[in-house]
Amino acid sequence: MDAKALRQHIYDMTETEKFYKEYYLARSNQKELNKFLANLNMDEVFKKHLLILEIEETIPEVFEDSFFFDLSNNDSIVVQKHERYSPAIEHSHTFFEITYIFDGQCTQEISGSTINMRTGDFCIIPPGIKHSISIFDDTIAINIMLRKDTLHSMFYGFLNTPNILSSFFLNNIYAKKSK
C-alpha cells in the first residue's frame, strides 16, 4: 500500500465507526435511540467489544491489558485509529496510551481537566488515570498502547537515560499513584 492509499484508508470509516455514528445520531432522539437499542444483536455487541452507554455490561470498569493485547507477547504494542463517534466514556486502563491527533481536533477530559487537542498534538496517559476522548466528526486520532512490561523490556536503555520523558514513564511504572 502506497502513502496515498494509506492516507485514504485512514479516512475511510470502518464498520465499527459506522455503527457508532448511527448510535451517536440515534442518541439525539429518545424514540430513535429506543429503536436502535431494540435492534441490537447483543452477541455481536459483546463479540466486537462495542460500548453502549445504556447497557452497563458493555462498559468495563477498567480496560485491562487483555482487552487489547496478546498476553503471551510481553513486547506487544498496539497502534490503531481511534474509533470516531464512539461514546466518550470516562475510563482508565492498565497500560500507557499515547493519543496522537493526525488530523482535526478533539477534546480529552483527564482527571477532571479539559484538554483541547488539534493536529500534531499528542498526549501520554499513564495507567490508572481516568479520562475520556470526544471525537464526533472526521478527526483522525491514532492510539498507541504500550504495556508496562513492554516499556520496561523494549525501552530499557531509554528508561535509564535521565530526561523528563523517561522520568515520567519510570514514575508511572513503579509509583503507587500515577500523574
Protein backbone atom coordinates (compact mmCIF):
# COMPACT_ATOMS: atom_id res chain seq x y z
CA MET A 1 0.00 0.00 0.00
CA ASP A 2 1.50 3.36 -1.03
CA ALA A 3 1.28 6.56 1.04
CA LYS A 4 -1.71 7.93 -0.89
CA ALA A 5 -3.70 4.70 -0.46
CA LEU A 6 -2.76 4.52 3.22
CA ARG A 7 -3.89 8.12 3.76
CA GLN A 8 -7.24 7.38 2.09
CA HIS A 9 -7.60 4.18 4.13
CA ILE A 10 -7.15 6.12 7.38
CA TYR A 11 -10.09 8.38 6.49
CA ASP A 12 -12.41 5.55 5.39
CA MET A 13 -15.00 4.75 8.04
CA THR A 14 -14.71 1.27 9.49
CA GLU A 15 -17.81 -0.84 10.13
CA THR A 16 -17.42 -0.08 13.84
CA GLU A 17 -17.28 3.67 13.16
CA LYS A 18 -20.42 3.39 11.02
CA PHE A 19 -22.13 1.60 13.90
CA TYR A 20 -21.01 4.27 16.40
CA LYS A 21 -22.11 7.10 14.09
CA GLU A 22 -25.59 5.54 13.79
CA TYR A 23 -25.67 5.17 17.59
CA TYR A 24 -24.45 8.78 18.07
CA LEU A 25 -27.19 10.11 15.78
CA ALA A 26 -29.87 7.94 17.43
CA ARG A 27 -28.97 9.33 20.85
CA SER A 28 -30.27 12.77 19.82
CA ASN A 29 -33.86 11.46 19.82
CA GLN A 30 -35.26 9.12 22.51
CA LYS A 31 -37.60 7.35 20.08
CA GLU A 32 -34.72 6.71 17.63
CA LEU A 33 -32.47 5.58 20.47
CA ASN A 34 -35.09 3.10 21.73
CA LYS A 35 -35.45 1.73 18.20
CA PHE A 36 -31.67 1.48 17.79
CA LEU A 37 -31.25 -0.33 21.13
CA ALA A 38 -34.13 -2.71 20.40
CA ASN A 39 -32.49 -3.79 17.13
CA LEU A 40 -29.08 -4.55 18.62
CA ASN A 41 -27.64 -8.03 18.21
CA MET A 42 -26.17 -8.43 21.69
CA ASP A 43 -23.99 -11.37 20.66
CA GLU A 44 -22.29 -9.08 18.10
CA VAL A 45 -22.07 -6.20 20.60
CA PHE A 46 -20.15 -8.38 23.07
CA LYS A 47 -18.09 -10.15 20.41
CA LYS A 48 -16.91 -6.83 18.93
CA HIS A 49 -16.48 -5.15 22.36
CA LEU A 50 -18.88 -2.35 21.36
CA LEU A 51 -19.50 0.23 24.06
CA ILE A 52 -23.14 1.20 24.64
CA LEU A 53 -23.76 3.72 27.42
CA GLU A 54 -27.27 2.43 28.06
CA ILE A 55 -26.06 -1.16 28.51
CA GLU A 56 -23.85 -1.28 31.62
CA GLU A 57 -22.43 -4.72 30.86
CA THR A 58 -20.66 -3.34 27.77
CA ILE A 59 -18.67 -0.78 29.75
CA PRO A 60 -15.64 -2.23 31.56
CA GLU A 61 -14.70 -0.60 34.83
CA VAL A 62 -11.05 -0.70 33.76
CA PHE A 63 -9.62 -1.63 30.38
CA GLU A 64 -7.24 -4.46 31.28
CA ASP A 65 -4.27 -5.40 29.08
CA SER A 66 -6.26 -8.42 27.85
CA PHE A 67 -8.81 -6.14 26.15
CA PHE A 68 -6.24 -5.03 23.52
CA PHE A 69 -3.08 -7.12 23.86
CA ASP A 70 -1.89 -10.64 23.18
CA LEU A 71 -0.83 -11.53 26.73
CA SER A 72 1.56 -14.22 25.52
CA ASN A 73 3.73 -11.48 23.97
CA ASN A 74 5.47 -9.25 26.54
CA ASP A 75 6.75 -6.93 23.82
CA SER A 76 3.37 -6.05 22.37
CA ILE A 77 2.43 -2.58 21.18
CA VAL A 78 -0.99 -1.84 19.69
CA VAL A 79 -1.41 1.00 17.20
CA GLN A 80 -4.92 1.75 15.98
CA LYS A 81 -7.12 4.54 14.76
CA HIS A 82 -9.42 5.82 17.50
CA GLU A 83 -12.97 4.87 16.52
CA ARG A 84 -14.77 8.09 15.62
CA TYR A 85 -18.23 8.64 17.15
CA SER A 86 -17.57 6.10 19.91
CA PRO A 87 -19.09 7.20 23.22
CA ALA A 88 -16.92 9.46 25.37
CA ILE A 89 -16.72 7.08 28.31
CA GLU A 90 -14.60 8.00 31.31
CA HIS A 91 -12.29 5.06 31.82
CA SER A 92 -8.84 4.01 32.92
CA HIS A 93 -6.57 1.19 31.86
CA THR A 94 -3.62 -0.86 32.98
CA PHE A 95 -1.32 0.29 30.15
CA PHE A 96 0.10 3.53 28.75
CA GLU A 97 -1.88 5.20 25.98
CA ILE A 98 -0.40 7.76 23.61
CA THR A 99 -3.02 9.64 21.60
CA TYR A 100 -1.75 11.46 18.51
CA ILE A 101 -4.04 13.80 16.57
CA PHE A 102 -3.21 13.06 12.93
CA ASP A 103 -5.81 15.46 11.53
CA GLY A 104 -8.53 17.56 13.15
CA GLN A 105 -9.31 18.36 16.74
CA CYS A 106 -10.86 16.75 19.78
CA THR A 107 -11.36 17.14 23.48
CA GLN A 108 -9.77 14.97 26.18
CA GLU A 109 -11.07 15.01 29.73
CA ILE A 110 -8.27 13.88 32.01
CA SER A 111 -8.75 13.69 35.78
CA GLY A 112 -11.31 16.50 35.65
CA SER A 113 -9.32 18.79 33.34
CA THR A 114 -10.33 19.55 29.75
CA ILE A 115 -7.62 19.48 27.11
CA ASN A 116 -8.35 20.65 23.58
CA MET A 117 -6.13 18.84 21.10
CA ARG A 118 -5.50 19.60 17.42
CA THR A 119 -3.45 18.28 14.51
CA GLY A 120 0.07 17.34 15.61
CA ASP A 121 -0.68 17.18 19.34
CA PHE A 122 -0.09 14.07 21.38
CA CYS A 123 -0.96 13.13 24.92
CA ILE A 124 0.51 10.35 27.07
CA ILE A 125 -1.89 8.86 29.58
CA PRO A 126 -0.38 6.55 32.20
CA PRO A 127 -2.15 3.55 33.72
CA GLY A 128 -4.87 4.24 36.29
CA ILE A 129 -5.74 7.76 35.12
CA LYS A 130 -9.45 8.42 34.46
CA HIS A 131 -10.04 10.06 31.10
CA SER A 132 -12.31 10.23 28.06
CA ILE A 133 -11.93 11.43 24.49
CA SER A 134 -14.62 13.01 22.31
CA ILE A 135 -14.41 12.67 18.52
CA PHE A 136 -17.73 13.23 16.78
CA ASP A 137 -16.53 14.35 13.36
CA ASP A 138 -13.89 13.36 10.78
CA THR A 139 -10.93 13.91 13.13
CA ILE A 140 -8.31 11.20 12.90
CA ALA A 141 -6.64 10.24 16.17
CA ILE A 142 -4.12 7.42 16.48
CA ASN A 143 -3.88 5.46 19.73
CA ILE A 144 -0.58 3.81 20.61
CA MET A 145 -0.94 1.48 23.57
CA LEU A 146 2.06 0.17 25.46
CA ARG A 147 2.02 -2.39 28.21
CA LYS A 148 4.16 -1.63 31.28
CA ASP A 149 6.16 -4.80 30.58
CA THR A 150 6.78 -3.63 27.00
CA LEU A 151 8.14 -0.30 28.15
CA HIS A 152 10.40 -1.97 30.64
CA SER A 153 11.77 -4.65 28.29
CA MET A 154 11.91 -2.84 24.93
CA PHE A 155 12.93 0.61 26.13
CA TYR A 156 15.24 -0.34 28.99
CA GLY A 157 18.12 1.75 27.64
CA PHE A 158 15.90 4.78 27.11
CA LEU A 159 14.38 4.49 30.58
CA ASN A 160 17.88 4.61 32.12
CA THR A 161 18.66 7.88 30.33
CA PRO A 162 17.93 10.83 32.61
CA ASN A 163 15.34 13.05 30.89
CA ILE A 164 11.80 14.26 31.56
CA LEU A 165 10.12 11.59 29.40
CA SER A 166 11.99 8.64 30.92
CA SER A 167 11.27 10.06 34.41
CA PHE A 168 7.56 10.27 33.53
CA PHE A 169 7.45 6.65 32.37
CA LEU A 170 9.51 5.31 35.28
CA ASN A 171 7.43 7.17 37.86
CA ASN A 172 4.25 5.76 36.32
CA ILE A 173 5.56 2.22 36.01
CA TYR A 174 6.70 1.91 39.61
CA ALA A 175 4.85 4.58 41.58
CA LYS A 176 1.69 3.73 43.51
CA LYS A 177 -0.08 6.89 42.30
CA SER A 178 0.20 7.96 38.67
CA LYS A 179 0.27 11.56 37.50
